[in-house]
Amino acid sequence: MFSMIYLWLIGAVVLAGADILLGTIYLLIIAVAALAAFIFAVIGEELGFVGALALIALFAALLVQGVCIALRAPDLYGTLLGIGIISQVGWQVFLHIGVGTALLPNTGISLPFFSSGGTSLLLLLGEMGVMLSISRAGNAREKRLADQHRAETERILQHSRYRKTTV
């Protein structure tokens, strides 16, 4: 029953959406169930088509940035860990949006960073902390390699005929 209501809400969305916290879902008495299971339908109704696309674009940007961070990790373990974390977040987003648009059966997967529930949010924030740690280690590795390259270039220039002249 709830799936049909949420599908109707997404289908009835206009380009700009309804006013925040004044949409149809709040006029019905199912706000608690909506916030727990189908938050994408609520976001789609209240922020409109543009808001739903913006949310999908933000998640896509998060996934692309996560893959870039994972590929710049200093070791294979960091790369695999980063890819695993980002895949889990991407799969969770895919499942939640698929359920909210009635393309997939109801799985009970929450939308990362938006659905109510402290445990999911706590684990996602911990995963993002690990991603930041991987990014920091990758940046340190790139800086160390750039410093080594600069030192090697200076050494070669000092022993070549194209030396820098000091004034």
Foldseek 3Di string as FASTA:
>chain_A
DVLVVLLVLLVPFDAQAAAPPPFPVNVDPCVVVCLQQQVLSVQCRHRHPVSSVVVVVVLVVVLVVLQVLLVLFPDPVSNVLSNVLSVVLVVLQVVNVCSSNVVDPRDSRDNAPRGDDDVRPVVNVVSVVSSVVRNVNSVVVVVVVVVVVVVVVQVVQVPDPNHDDDD
